Amino acid sequence: MTRLKENASFVVVKSRAISDNNCKRADEIIVFAKQAAAGADRFLPRVVWWDEQSQREFV
């Protein structure tokens, strides 16, 4: 797993449900915009979570 760059251009294909008592803020399936335009189906997971100890959000 690696972190997604802030300026990455992507399209959310599917958003998955997350529970309320979780540090996870988003769970999505994405494809990069250039690949989506080219018709490629290279889907990737994108997870956003909150670290309570450092008070930071990670993608």
Protein backbone atom coordinates (compact mmCIF):
# COMPACT_ATOMS: atom_id res chain seq x y z
CA MET A 1 0.00 0.00 0.00
CA THR A 2 1.15 3.52 -0.70
CA ARG A 3 -0.24 6.99 -0.09
CA LEU A 4 -2.08 8.78 -2.87
CA LYS A 5 -0.64 12.11 -4.01
CA GLU A 6 -2.78 15.15 -3.21
CA ASN A 7 -2.97 16.23 -6.85
CA ALA A 8 -3.97 12.80 -8.20
CA SER A 9 -6.89 12.95 -10.61
CA PHE A 10 -9.23 9.98 -10.16
CA VAL A 11 -12.83 8.88 -10.57
CA VAL A 12 -14.70 7.08 -7.77
CA VAL A 13 -16.25 3.93 -9.26
CA LYS A 14 -17.82 2.62 -6.06
CA SER A 15 -18.12 3.78 -2.45
CA ARG A 16 -18.26 1.06 0.19
CA ALA A 17 -20.13 1.39 3.47
CA ILE A 18 -18.15 2.09 6.64
CA SER A 19 -19.18 1.67 10.24
CA ASP A 20 -19.59 4.64 12.60
CA ASN A 21 -17.31 3.25 15.32
CA ASN A 22 -14.32 2.98 13.00
CA CYS A 23 -11.32 5.22 12.27
CA LYS A 24 -11.97 4.64 8.58
CA ARG A 25 -13.55 7.73 6.96
CA ALA A 26 -13.86 6.49 3.36
CA ASP A 27 -13.52 3.20 1.51
CA GLU A 28 -13.74 3.54 -2.27
CA ILE A 29 -12.82 1.85 -5.51
CA ILE A 30 -11.17 4.32 -7.91
CA VAL A 31 -9.64 4.51 -11.36
CA PHE A 32 -7.25 7.25 -12.45
CA ALA A 33 -8.88 9.78 -14.80
CA LYS A 34 -6.53 9.17 -17.74
CA GLN A 35 -7.06 5.41 -17.51
CA ALA A 36 -10.83 5.83 -17.25
CA ALA A 37 -10.83 7.96 -20.40
CA ALA A 38 -8.76 5.34 -22.23
CA GLY A 39 -11.21 2.59 -21.22
CA ALA A 40 -8.72 0.74 -19.01
CA ASP A 41 -10.16 -1.12 -16.04
CA ARG A 42 -7.35 -0.83 -13.51
CA PHE A 43 -9.39 -0.38 -10.36
CA LEU A 44 -7.66 0.48 -7.10
CA PRO A 45 -8.84 0.70 -3.49
CA ARG A 46 -8.73 4.12 -1.80
CA VAL A 47 -9.07 4.19 1.99
CA VAL A 48 -9.10 7.31 4.16
CA TRP A 49 -8.60 6.90 7.89
CA TRP A 50 -8.17 9.12 10.93
CA ASP A 51 -5.33 8.67 13.40
CA GLU A 52 -6.61 9.86 16.74
CA GLN A 53 -3.19 9.96 18.38
CA SER A 54 -1.57 12.29 15.82
CA GLN A 55 -4.84 14.02 14.86
CA ARG A 56 -4.15 13.39 11.14
CA GLU A 57 -6.04 12.01 8.20
CA PHE A 58 -4.26 9.49 5.97
CA VAL A 59 -5.18 8.48 2.42
